[in-house]
């Protein structure tokens, strides 16, 4: 297919050759792509190239958590799914007025390619639109694309290419919200013996002993780790495998009741109990330096396993 942006009008007839794709626009002007193929369903917001929903056809429950109170507004992030953090993770290193976790998740993107793979999965390629707001926050010349493959496995590939003549550094991540039966009854494996910085304790560092269990607010940055994580959820009778490459940091977060109830877009009542964030990231000393004319790719794959 052509590498030119697909017609931005997002009219259904423009995509008659892709019956598994449906395009829509809401009253706020936000545009969405819905995917319904033989293997899975998904929904992507073009603001932020944000994968909001993904569920294999064989799964009884959604895999991604999406808040019932999520805000659908121009220039505001959507609470849930897979927000893209880029070109910094957390607060901007020098200017706190800039959007936390970078601008990629609130900028417009466009679809530049779409195809169906032999196994029935749908592959979409989206590219960020370089707006004046983005130029103000990152002056380096670059391209940023997300390749999303939607099937029994959700595969995301975020590719940053340095088009300039000087190296530049990025922090990045998939701030992924996973749906669970109850966060207090799940455990996360794969981070044993890793060094972490505890955000709640002013980034105090320690070593993880044993599997992760949750009975209070939890916000830890695990450094120098590239292995898989498994979210074991006996309530749903499944485990979610989080595999990754091009990532040396994993962040695990749950806000718990007090903090969740202070966040207007995280849902009513105890909705926070239904989610856990396990994030494939490059942050802190694991931020990535990209040389001129080089491309760095951050990849994550999400899949289900029976317990």
C-alpha atoms as a PDB file:
ATOM      1  CA  UNK A   1       0.000   0.000   0.000  1.00  0.00           C
ATOM      2  CA  UNK A   2       0.966   3.614  -0.345  1.00  0.00           C
ATOM      3  CA  UNK A   3       2.773   5.244   2.562  1.00  0.00           C
ATOM      4  CA  UNK A   4       0.620   8.365   2.175  1.00  0.00           C
ATOM      5  CA  UNK A   5      -1.925   9.146   4.919  1.00  0.00           C
ATOM      6  CA  UNK A   6      -5.214   7.359   4.332  1.00  0.00           C
ATOM      7  CA  UNK A   7      -8.100   9.770   3.654  1.00  0.00           C
ATOM      8  CA  UNK A   8      -8.614  11.740   6.854  1.00  0.00           C
ATOM      9  CA  UNK A   9     -12.378  12.019   6.306  1.00  0.00           C
ATOM     10  CA  UNK A  10     -12.653   8.472   7.665  1.00  0.00           C
ATOM     11  CA  UNK A  11     -15.698   7.680   5.538  1.00  0.00           C
ATOM     12  CA  UNK A  12     -16.707   4.020   5.616  1.00  0.00           C
ATOM     13  CA  UNK A  13     -16.761   3.855   1.812  1.00  0.00           C
ATOM     14  CA  UNK A  14     -13.078   4.825   1.676  1.00  0.00           C
ATOM     15  CA  UNK A  15     -12.314   1.471   3.346  1.00  0.00           C
ATOM     16  CA  UNK A  16     -14.770  -0.847   1.650  1.00  0.00           C
ATOM     17  CA  UNK A  17     -11.800  -3.107   0.885  1.00  0.00           C
ATOM     18  CA  UNK A  18     -11.327  -3.661   4.645  1.00  0.00           C
ATOM     19  CA  UNK A  19     -14.656  -4.911   6.008  1.00  0.00           C
ATOM     20  CA  UNK A  20     -13.031  -5.683   9.396  1.00  0.00           C
ATOM     21  CA  UNK A  21     -12.438  -1.946   9.913  1.00  0.00           C
ATOM     22  CA  UNK A  22     -15.052   0.600  10.922  1.00  0.00           C
ATOM     23  CA  UNK A  23     -14.348   4.328  11.263  1.00  0.00           C
ATOM     24  CA  UNK A  24     -16.257   6.790  13.423  1.00  0.00           C
ATOM     25  CA  UNK A  25     -16.089  10.282  14.877  1.00  0.00           C
ATOM     26  CA  UNK A  26     -17.702  11.471  18.113  1.00  0.00           C
ATOM     27  CA  UNK A  27     -19.278  14.799  19.046  1.00  0.00           C
ATOM     28  CA  UNK A  28     -15.896  16.109  20.288  1.00  0.00           C
ATOM     29  CA  UNK A  29     -14.268  15.443  16.913  1.00  0.00           C
ATOM     30  CA  UNK A  30     -12.270  12.445  18.135  1.00  0.00           C
ATOM     31  CA  UNK A  31     -11.803   9.758  15.498  1.00  0.00           C
ATOM     32  CA  UNK A  32     -11.787   6.015  16.149  1.00  0.00           C
ATOM     33  CA  UNK A  33     -11.022   2.780  14.343  1.00  0.00           C
ATOM     34  CA  UNK A  34     -12.916  -0.351  15.373  1.00  0.00           C
ATOM     35  CA  UNK A  35     -11.473  -3.717  14.382  1.00  0.00           C
ATOM     36  CA  UNK A  36     -13.541  -6.897  14.196  1.00  0.00           C
ATOM     37  CA  UNK A  37     -11.714  -9.785  12.550  1.00  0.00           C
ATOM     38  CA  UNK A  38     -11.987 -13.563  12.940  1.00  0.00           C
ATOM     39  CA  UNK A  39      -9.603 -13.548  15.919  1.00  0.00           C
ATOM     40  CA  UNK A  40     -10.355 -10.473  18.037  1.00  0.00           C
ATOM     41  CA  UNK A  41     -12.053  -7.123  18.439  1.00  0.00           C
ATOM     42  CA  UNK A  42     -10.339  -3.835  19.251  1.00  0.00           C
ATOM     43  CA  UNK A  43     -10.842  -0.079  19.226  1.00  0.00           C
ATOM     44  CA  UNK A  44      -8.176   2.567  18.600  1.00  0.00           C
ATOM     45  CA  UNK A  45      -8.441   6.326  19.080  1.00  0.00           C
ATOM     46  CA  UNK A  46      -6.476   8.308  16.487  1.00  0.00           C
ATOM     47  CA  UNK A  47      -5.730  10.847  19.207  1.00  0.00           C
ATOM     48  CA  UNK A  48      -2.646   9.262  20.721  1.00  0.00           C
ATOM     49  CA  UNK A  49      -2.769   6.110  18.550  1.00  0.00           C
ATOM     50  CA  UNK A  50      -4.457   4.840  21.703  1.00  0.00           C
ATOM     51  CA  UNK A  51      -5.496   1.176  21.764  1.00  0.00           C
ATOM     52  CA  UNK A  52      -8.551   1.484  24.017  1.00  0.00           C
ATOM     53  CA  UNK A  53      -9.927  -2.042  23.766  1.00  0.00           C
ATOM     54  CA  UNK A  54      -8.707  -5.489  22.721  1.00  0.00           C
ATOM     55  CA  UNK A  55     -10.370  -8.839  23.319  1.00  0.00           C
ATOM     56  CA  UNK A  56      -9.649 -12.146  21.582  1.00  0.00           C
ATOM     57  CA  UNK A  57     -12.828 -13.871  20.406  1.00  0.00           C
ATOM     58  CA  UNK A  58     -12.102 -16.799  22.742  1.00  0.00           C
ATOM     59  CA  UNK A  59     -11.770 -14.565  25.828  1.00  0.00           C
ATOM     60  CA  UNK A  60     -14.724 -14.275  28.206  1.00  0.00           C
ATOM     61  CA  UNK A  61     -13.607 -10.900  29.599  1.00  0.00           C
ATOM     62  CA  UNK A  62     -11.834  -7.890  28.102  1.00  0.00           C
ATOM     63  CA  UNK A  63      -8.049  -7.920  28.433  1.00  0.00           C
ATOM     64  CA  UNK A  64      -7.649  -4.142  28.596  1.00  0.00           C
ATOM     65  CA  UNK A  65      -9.389  -2.076  31.279  1.00  0.00           C
ATOM     66  CA  UNK A  66     -11.129   1.136  30.196  1.00  0.00           C
ATOM     67  CA  UNK A  67     -12.615   3.490  32.775  1.00  0.00           C
ATOM     68  CA  UNK A  68     -16.343   4.113  32.671  1.00  0.00           C
ATOM     69  CA  UNK A  69     -15.472   7.751  33.443  1.00  0.00           C
ATOM     70  CA  UNK A  70     -12.764   8.123  30.784  1.00  0.00           C
ATOM     71  CA  UNK A  71     -12.626  11.624  29.245  1.00  0.00           C
ATOM     72  CA  UNK A  72     -13.049  11.869  25.485  1.00  0.00           C
ATOM     73  CA  UNK A  73     -11.696  15.357  24.826  1.00  0.00           C
ATOM     74  CA  UNK A  74      -9.306  16.991  22.391  1.00  0.00           C
ATOM     75  CA  UNK A  75      -5.872  17.193  23.992  1.00  0.00           C
ATOM     76  CA  UNK A  76      -6.706  15.041  27.039  1.00  0.00           C
ATOM     77  CA  UNK A  77      -5.552  11.481  27.606  1.00  0.00           C
ATOM     78  CA  UNK A  78      -8.044   8.604  27.834  1.00  0.00           C
ATOM     79  CA  UNK A  79      -7.977   6.646  31.111  1.00  0.00           C
ATOM     80  CA  UNK A  80      -7.452   2.987  30.248  1.00  0.00           C
ATOM     81  CA  UNK A  81      -6.273   0.801  27.399  1.00  0.00           C
ATOM     82  CA  UNK A  82      -2.718   1.450  26.201  1.00  0.00           C
ATOM     83  CA  UNK A  83      -1.682   5.123  26.391  1.00  0.00           C
ATOM     84  CA  UNK A  84       1.651   5.803  24.663  1.00  0.00           C
ATOM     85  CA  UNK A  85       4.164   7.680  26.809  1.00  0.00           C
ATOM     86  CA  UNK A  86       6.695   9.520  24.595  1.00  0.00           C
ATOM     87  CA  UNK A  87       9.196  11.292  24.370  1.00  0.00           C
ATOM     88  CA  UNK A  88       9.503  11.276  28.157  1.00  0.00           C
ATOM     89  CA  UNK A  89       8.095   9.044  30.865  1.00  0.00           C
ATOM     90  CA  UNK A  90       6.698  10.729  33.974  1.00  0.00           C
ATOM     91  CA  UNK A  91       7.261  14.452  34.416  1.00  0.00           C
ATOM     92  CA  UNK A  92       9.255  16.392  31.825  1.00  0.00           C
ATOM     93  CA  UNK A  93      12.885  16.485  33.018  1.00  0.00           C
ATOM     94  CA  UNK A  94      13.147  20.302  32.962  1.00  0.00           C
ATOM     95  CA  UNK A  95       9.682  21.860  32.412  1.00  0.00           C
ATOM     96  CA  UNK A  96       6.820  20.682  34.636  1.00  0.00           C
ATOM     97  CA  UNK A  97       4.296  22.644  32.557  1.00  0.00           C
ATOM     98  CA  UNK A  98       4.564  20.066  29.779  1.00  0.00           C
ATOM     99  CA  UNK A  99       2.182  17.111  29.675  1.00  0.00           C
ATOM    100  CA  UNK A 100       3.187  14.286  32.042  1.00  0.00           C
ATOM    101  CA  UNK A 101       4.337  11.203  30.119  1.00  0.00           C
ATOM    102  CA  UNK A 102       4.929  13.264  26.990  1.00  0.00           C
ATOM    103  CA  UNK A 103       2.742  14.592  24.220  1.00  0.00           C
ATOM    104  CA  UNK A 104       2.335  11.514  22.002  1.00  0.00           C
ATOM    105  CA  UNK A 105      -0.781  10.310  23.823  1.00  0.00           C
ATOM    106  CA  UNK A 106      -2.661  13.589  23.224  1.00  0.00           C
ATOM    107  CA  UNK A 107      -1.474  14.412  19.690  1.00  0.00           C
ATOM    108  CA  UNK A 108      -3.319  13.502  16.476  1.00  0.00           C
ATOM    109  CA  UNK A 109      -2.048  10.480  14.524  1.00  0.00           C
ATOM    110  CA  UNK A 110      -3.077   9.199  11.116  1.00  0.00           C
ATOM    111  CA  UNK A 111      -3.380   5.765   9.583  1.00  0.00           C
ATOM    112  CA  UNK A 112      -0.765   5.174   6.865  1.00  0.00           C
ATOM    113  CA  UNK A 113      -1.168   1.440   6.230  1.00  0.00           C
ATOM    114  CA  UNK A 114      -3.584  -1.407   6.909  1.00  0.00           C
ATOM    115  CA  UNK A 115      -3.499  -5.040   5.906  1.00  0.00           C
ATOM    116  CA  UNK A 116      -4.749  -8.490   6.873  1.00  0.00           C
ATOM    117  CA  UNK A 117      -2.185 -11.137   7.762  1.00  0.00           C
ATOM    118  CA  UNK A 118      -2.389 -14.764   6.665  1.00  0.00           C
ATOM    119  CA  UNK A 119      -3.556 -15.877  10.116  1.00  0.00           C
ATOM    120  CA  UNK A 120      -6.463 -13.408  10.037  1.00  0.00           C
ATOM    121  CA  UNK A 121      -4.901 -10.752  12.275  1.00  0.00           C
ATOM    122  CA  UNK A 122      -5.173  -7.077  11.297  1.00  0.00           C
ATOM    123  CA  UNK A 123      -2.039  -4.943  11.070  1.00  0.00           C
ATOM    124  CA  UNK A 124      -2.367  -1.162  11.265  1.00  0.00           C
ATOM    125  CA  UNK A 125       0.424   1.406  10.998  1.00  0.00           C
ATOM    126  CA  UNK A 126      -0.173   4.864  12.479  1.00  0.00           C
ATOM    127  CA  UNK A 127       2.101   7.900  12.343  1.00  0.00           C
ATOM    128  CA  UNK A 128       2.094  10.915  14.642  1.00  0.00           C
ATOM    129  CA  UNK A 129       1.247  14.271  13.069  1.00  0.00           C
ATOM    130  CA  UNK A 130       3.990  16.820  13.808  1.00  0.00           C
ATOM    131  CA  UNK A 131       1.963  19.767  15.115  1.00  0.00           C
ATOM    132  CA  UNK A 132       3.283  23.159  16.328  1.00  0.00           C
ATOM    133  CA  UNK A 133       2.530  22.032  19.907  1.00  0.00           C
ATOM    134  CA  UNK A 134       4.728  18.966  19.400  1.00  0.00           C
ATOM    135  CA  UNK A 135       7.493  21.038  17.769  1.00  0.00           C
ATOM    136  CA  UNK A 136       7.563  23.327  20.792  1.00  0.00           C
ATOM    137  CA  UNK A 137       8.105  20.391  23.142  1.00  0.00           C
ATOM    138  CA  UNK A 138      10.599  18.439  21.030  1.00  0.00           C
ATOM    139  CA  UNK A 139      12.762  20.309  18.532  1.00  0.00           C
ATOM    140  CA  UNK A 140      14.657  17.279  17.188  1.00  0.00           C
ATOM    141  CA  UNK A 141      13.585  16.037  13.732  1.00  0.00           C
ATOM    142  CA  UNK A 142      12.056  12.579  14.005  1.00  0.00           C
ATOM    143  CA  UNK A 143       9.385  10.181  12.827  1.00  0.00           C
ATOM    144  CA  UNK A 144       7.238   8.180  15.239  1.00  0.00           C
ATOM    145  CA  UNK A 145       5.066   5.271  14.149  1.00  0.00           C
ATOM    146  CA  UNK A 146       3.000   2.632  15.917  1.00  0.00           C
ATOM    147  CA  UNK A 147       2.402  -0.736  14.299  1.00  0.00           C
ATOM    148  CA  UNK A 148      -0.496  -2.547  15.994  1.00  0.00           C
ATOM    149  CA  UNK A 149      -1.248  -6.166  15.146  1.00  0.00           C
ATOM    150  CA  UNK A 150      -4.658  -7.240  16.419  1.00  0.00           C
ATOM    151  CA  UNK A 151      -5.310 -10.962  16.706  1.00  0.00           C
ATOM    152  CA  UNK A 152      -5.180 -13.611  19.427  1.00  0.00           C
ATOM    153  CA  UNK A 153      -2.048 -11.703  20.466  1.00  0.00           C
ATOM    154  CA  UNK A 154      -1.900  -7.906  20.594  1.00  0.00           C
ATOM    155  CA  UNK A 155       1.515  -6.775  19.347  1.00  0.00           C
ATOM    156  CA  UNK A 156       2.583  -3.124  19.525  1.00  0.00           C
ATOM    157  CA  UNK A 157       5.742  -1.703  17.944  1.00  0.00           C
ATOM    158  CA  UNK A 158       6.613   1.940  18.628  1.00  0.00           C
ATOM    159  CA  UNK A 159       9.394   3.050  16.259  1.00  0.00           C
ATOM    160  CA  UNK A 160      11.353   6.278  16.821  1.00  0.00           C
ATOM    161  CA  UNK A 161      13.669   7.391  14.005  1.00  0.00           C
ATOM    162  CA  UNK A 162      16.198  10.183  14.493  1.00  0.00           C
ATOM    163  CA  UNK A 163      16.167  12.299  11.324  1.00  0.00           C
ATOM    164  CA  UNK A 164      18.681  14.830  12.651  1.00  0.00           C
ATOM    165  CA  UNK A 165      22.468  14.999  12.803  1.00  0.00           C
ATOM    166  CA  UNK A 166      22.722  14.831  16.626  1.00  0.00           C
ATOM    167  CA  UNK A 167      21.748  12.022  19.014  1.00  0.00           C
ATOM    168  CA  UNK A 168      18.751  12.579  21.260  1.00  0.00           C
ATOM    169  CA  UNK A 169      17.353  10.756  24.275  1.00  0.00           C
ATOM    170  CA  UNK A 170      13.790   9.565  24.808  1.00  0.00           C
ATOM    171  CA  UNK A 171      11.866   8.080  27.685  1.00  0.00           C
ATOM    172  CA  UNK A 172       8.907   6.028  26.542  1.00  0.00           C
ATOM    173  CA  UNK A 173       6.447   3.342  27.496  1.00  0.00           C
ATOM    174  CA  UNK A 174       3.122   1.603  27.097  1.00  0.00           C
ATOM    175  CA  UNK A 175       1.100   2.667  30.165  1.00  0.00           C
ATOM    176  CA  UNK A 176      -1.087  -0.420  29.836  1.00  0.00           C
ATOM    177  CA  UNK A 177      -4.183  -0.969  31.988  1.00  0.00           C
ATOM    178  CA  UNK A 178      -5.169  -4.638  32.269  1.00  0.00           C
ATOM    179  CA  UNK A 179      -8.596  -5.884  33.335  1.00  0.00           C
ATOM    180  CA  UNK A 180      -8.532  -8.227  36.351  1.00  0.00           C
ATOM    181  CA  UNK A 181     -11.180  -9.829  38.546  1.00  0.00           C
ATOM    182  CA  UNK A 182      -9.883  -8.026  41.676  1.00  0.00           C
ATOM    183  CA  UNK A 183      -6.434  -6.495  42.051  1.00  0.00           C
ATOM    184  CA  UNK A 184      -6.205  -7.792  45.625  1.00  0.00           C
ATOM    185  CA  UNK A 185      -6.474 -11.371  44.359  1.00  0.00           C
ATOM    186  CA  UNK A 186      -3.917 -11.248  41.547  1.00  0.00           C
ATOM    187  CA  UNK A 187      -0.155 -11.597  41.618  1.00  0.00           C
ATOM    188  CA  UNK A 188       2.543 -10.561  39.161  1.00  0.00           C
ATOM    189  CA  UNK A 189       5.583 -12.736  38.497  1.00  0.00           C
ATOM    190  CA  UNK A 190       8.724 -12.073  36.475  1.00  0.00           C
ATOM    191  CA  UNK A 191      10.244  -9.261  38.535  1.00  0.00           C
ATOM    192  CA  UNK A 192      11.798 -11.328  41.314  1.00  0.00           C
ATOM    193  CA  UNK A 193      15.254 -10.064  42.406  1.00  0.00           C
ATOM    194  CA  UNK A 194      14.952  -6.899  40.309  1.00  0.00           C
ATOM    195  CA  UNK A 195      16.006  -3.508  41.645  1.00  0.00           C
ATOM    196  CA  UNK A 196      13.111  -1.068  41.893  1.00  0.00           C
ATOM    197  CA  UNK A 197      12.613   2.605  42.651  1.00  0.00           C
ATOM    198  CA  UNK A 198       9.509   3.142  44.789  1.00  0.00           C
ATOM    199  CA  UNK A 199       7.719   6.292  43.665  1.00  0.00           C
ATOM    200  CA  UNK A 200       5.597   6.367  46.827  1.00  0.00           C
ATOM    201  CA  UNK A 201       8.803   6.403  48.920  1.00  0.00           C
ATOM    202  CA  UNK A 202      10.456   9.245  46.951  1.00  0.00           C
ATOM    203  CA  UNK A 203      12.093   6.741  44.567  1.00  0.00           C
ATOM    204  CA  UNK A 204      13.886   4.899  47.361  1.00  0.00           C
ATOM    205  CA  UNK A 205      15.559   1.817  45.900  1.00  0.00           C
ATOM    206  CA  UNK A 206      15.328  -1.774  47.018  1.00  0.00           C
ATOM    207  CA  UNK A 207      15.244  -5.336  45.653  1.00  0.00           C
ATOM    208  CA  UNK A 208      12.069  -7.253  44.887  1.00  0.00           C
ATOM    209  CA  UNK A 209      11.724 -10.418  46.957  1.00  0.00           C
ATOM    210  CA  UNK A 210       9.158 -12.885  45.675  1.00  0.00           C
ATOM    211  CA  UNK A 211       6.088 -12.296  43.546  1.00  0.00           C
ATOM    212  CA  UNK A 212       4.099  -9.043  43.622  1.00  0.00           C
ATOM    213  CA  UNK A 213       0.851  -8.958  45.606  1.00  0.00           C
ATOM    214  CA  UNK A 214      -1.319  -5.911  46.262  1.00  0.00           C
ATOM    215  CA  UNK A 215      -3.110  -4.654  49.365  1.00  0.00           C
ATOM    216  CA  UNK A 216      -2.374  -0.912  49.125  1.00  0.00           C
ATOM    217  CA  UNK A 217      -1.243   1.766  46.683  1.00  0.00           C
ATOM    218  CA  UNK A 218       1.665   0.444  44.618  1.00  0.00           C
ATOM    219  CA  UNK A 219       3.870   2.409  42.196  1.00  0.00           C
ATOM    220  CA  UNK A 220       7.300   0.916  41.487  1.00  0.00           C
ATOM    221  CA  UNK A 221       9.775   1.322  38.631  1.00  0.00           C
ATOM    222  CA  UNK A 222      11.718  -1.906  38.030  1.00  0.00           C
ATOM    223  CA  UNK A 223      15.046  -1.195  36.338  1.00  0.00           C
ATOM    224  CA  UNK A 224      17.315  -3.226  34.060  1.00  0.00           C
ATOM    225  CA  UNK A 225      14.693  -5.874  33.360  1.00  0.00           C
ATOM    226  CA  UNK A 226      13.717  -7.109  29.909  1.00  0.00           C
ATOM    227  CA  UNK A 227      11.903 -10.348  30.799  1.00  0.00           C
ATOM    228  CA  UNK A 228       8.247 -11.321  30.565  1.00  0.00           C
ATOM    229  CA  UNK A 229       5.747 -10.612  33.317  1.00  0.00           C
ATOM    230  CA  UNK A 230       2.728 -12.773  34.091  1.00  0.00           C
ATOM    231  CA  UNK A 231      -0.435 -11.373  35.690  1.00  0.00           C
ATOM    232  CA  UNK A 232      -1.966 -14.416  37.387  1.00  0.00           C
ATOM    233  CA  UNK A 233      -5.696 -13.983  37.975  1.00  0.00           C
ATOM    234  CA  UNK A 234      -7.438 -16.984  39.553  1.00  0.00           C
ATOM    235  CA  UNK A 235     -10.739 -15.096  39.636  1.00  0.00           C
ATOM    236  CA  UNK A 236     -10.831 -15.046  35.831  1.00  0.00           C
ATOM    237  CA  UNK A 237      -9.007 -18.372  35.514  1.00  0.00           C
ATOM    238  CA  UNK A 238      -6.355 -16.830  33.294  1.00  0.00           C
ATOM    239  CA  UNK A 239      -2.955 -15.230  33.178  1.00  0.00           C
ATOM    240  CA  UNK A 240      -1.975 -12.285  30.983  1.00  0.00           C
ATOM    241  CA  UNK A 241       1.537 -12.553  29.601  1.00  0.00           C
ATOM    242  CA  UNK A 242       3.352  -9.260  29.016  1.00  0.00           C
ATOM    243  CA  UNK A 243       6.320  -9.889  26.728  1.00  0.00           C
ATOM    244  CA  UNK A 244       8.547  -7.132  25.438  1.00  0.00           C
ATOM    245  CA  UNK A 245      11.706  -6.157  23.583  1.00  0.00           C
ATOM    246  CA  UNK A 246      13.557  -2.860  23.312  1.00  0.00           C
ATOM    247  CA  UNK A 247      12.508  -2.169  26.918  1.00  0.00           C
ATOM    248  CA  UNK A 248      14.644  -2.357  30.063  1.00  0.00           C
ATOM    249  CA  UNK A 249      12.131  -0.953  32.559  1.00  0.00           C
ATOM    250  CA  UNK A 250       8.839  -2.327  33.883  1.00  0.00           C
ATOM    251  CA  UNK A 251       6.446  -0.169  35.912  1.00  0.00           C
ATOM    252  CA  UNK A 252       3.692  -1.675  38.067  1.00  0.00           C
ATOM    253  CA  UNK A 253       0.928   0.589  39.417  1.00  0.00           C
ATOM    254  CA  UNK A 254      -2.366   0.440  41.255  1.00  0.00           C
ATOM    255  CA  UNK A 255      -3.752   3.600  42.876  1.00  0.00           C
ATOM    256  CA  UNK A 256      -5.889   1.900  45.553  1.00  0.00           C
ATOM    257  CA  UNK A 257      -9.030   3.455  46.982  1.00  0.00           C
ATOM    258  CA  UNK A 258      -7.978   6.860  48.344  1.00  0.00           C
ATOM    259  CA  UNK A 259      -6.022   7.947  45.287  1.00  0.00           C
ATOM    260  CA  UNK A 260      -8.518   6.445  42.840  1.00  0.00           C
ATOM    261  CA  UNK A 261     -11.387   8.375  44.422  1.00  0.00           C
ATOM    262  CA  UNK A 262      -9.421  11.613  43.949  1.00  0.00           C
ATOM    263  CA  UNK A 263      -9.101  10.943  40.203  1.00  0.00           C
ATOM    264  CA  UNK A 264     -12.238  12.017  38.427  1.00  0.00           C
ATOM    265  CA  UNK A 265     -11.687   9.855  35.341  1.00  0.00           C
ATOM    266  CA  UNK A 266     -10.865   6.524  36.977  1.00  0.00           C
ATOM    267  CA  UNK A 267     -14.431   5.352  37.457  1.00  0.00           C
ATOM    268  CA  UNK A 268     -17.096   5.130  40.130  1.00  0.00           C
ATOM    269  CA  UNK A 269     -17.011   3.183  43.364  1.00  0.00           C
ATOM    270  CA  UNK A 270     -14.468   0.388  43.388  1.00  0.00           C
ATOM    271  CA  UNK A 271     -13.890   0.238  39.629  1.00  0.00           C
ATOM    272  CA  UNK A 272     -10.168   0.667  40.345  1.00  0.00           C
ATOM    273  CA  UNK A 273     -10.166  -2.863  41.755  1.00  0.00           C
ATOM    274  CA  UNK A 274     -10.711  -4.209  38.249  1.00  0.00           C
ATOM    275  CA  UNK A 275      -7.384  -2.988  36.871  1.00  0.00           C
ATOM    276  CA  UNK A 276      -3.627  -3.270  37.246  1.00  0.00           C
ATOM    277  CA  UNK A 277      -0.999  -1.459  35.189  1.00  0.00           C
ATOM    278  CA  UNK A 278       2.046  -3.443  34.052  1.00  0.00           C
ATOM    279  CA  UNK A 279       3.976  -1.122  31.770  1.00  0.00           C
ATOM    280  CA  UNK A 280       6.750  -1.849  29.259  1.00  0.00           C
ATOM    281  CA  UNK A 281       8.969   1.197  29.548  1.00  0.00           C
ATOM    282  CA  UNK A 282      12.357   2.853  29.106  1.00  0.00           C
ATOM    283  CA  UNK A 283      12.746   5.337  31.968  1.00  0.00           C
ATOM    284  CA  UNK A 284      15.255   6.857  34.381  1.00  0.00           C
ATOM    285  CA  UNK A 285      18.724   5.448  33.594  1.00  0.00           C
ATOM    286  CA  UNK A 286      17.116   3.119  31.043  1.00  0.00           C
ATOM    287  CA  UNK A 287      16.089   6.043  28.804  1.00  0.00           C
ATOM    288  CA  UNK A 288      17.236   5.449  25.222  1.00  0.00           C
ATOM    289  CA  UNK A 289      19.800   7.458  23.263  1.00  0.00           C
ATOM    290  CA  UNK A 290      19.055   7.343  19.534  1.00  0.00           C
ATOM    291  CA  UNK A 291      21.861   8.152  17.114  1.00  0.00           C
ATOM    292  CA  UNK A 292      21.340  10.069  13.846  1.00  0.00           C
ATOM    293  CA  UNK A 293      19.613   8.042  11.127  1.00  0.00           C
ATOM    294  CA  UNK A 294      18.915   5.219  13.582  1.00  0.00           C
ATOM    295  CA  UNK A 295      15.577   3.741  14.662  1.00  0.00           C
ATOM    296  CA  UNK A 296      14.701   2.386  18.091  1.00  0.00           C
ATOM    297  CA  UNK A 297      11.688   0.065  18.423  1.00  0.00           C
ATOM    298  CA  UNK A 298       9.816  -0.590  21.665  1.00  0.00           C
ATOM    299  CA  UNK A 299       7.744  -3.770  21.313  1.00  0.00           C
ATOM    300  CA  UNK A 300       5.162  -5.317  23.621  1.00  0.00           C
ATOM    301  CA  UNK A 301       3.065  -8.443  23.131  1.00  0.00           C
ATOM    302  CA  UNK A 302       0.003  -9.298  25.223  1.00  0.00           C
ATOM    303  CA  UNK A 303      -1.465 -12.805  25.279  1.00  0.00           C
ATOM    304  CA  UNK A 304      -3.706 -14.966  27.464  1.00  0.00           C
ATOM    305  CA  UNK A 305      -2.912 -18.263  29.167  1.00  0.00           C
ATOM    306  CA  UNK A 306      -5.222 -20.539  31.139  1.00  0.00           C
ATOM    307  CA  UNK A 307      -4.577 -21.097  34.837  1.00  0.00           C
END
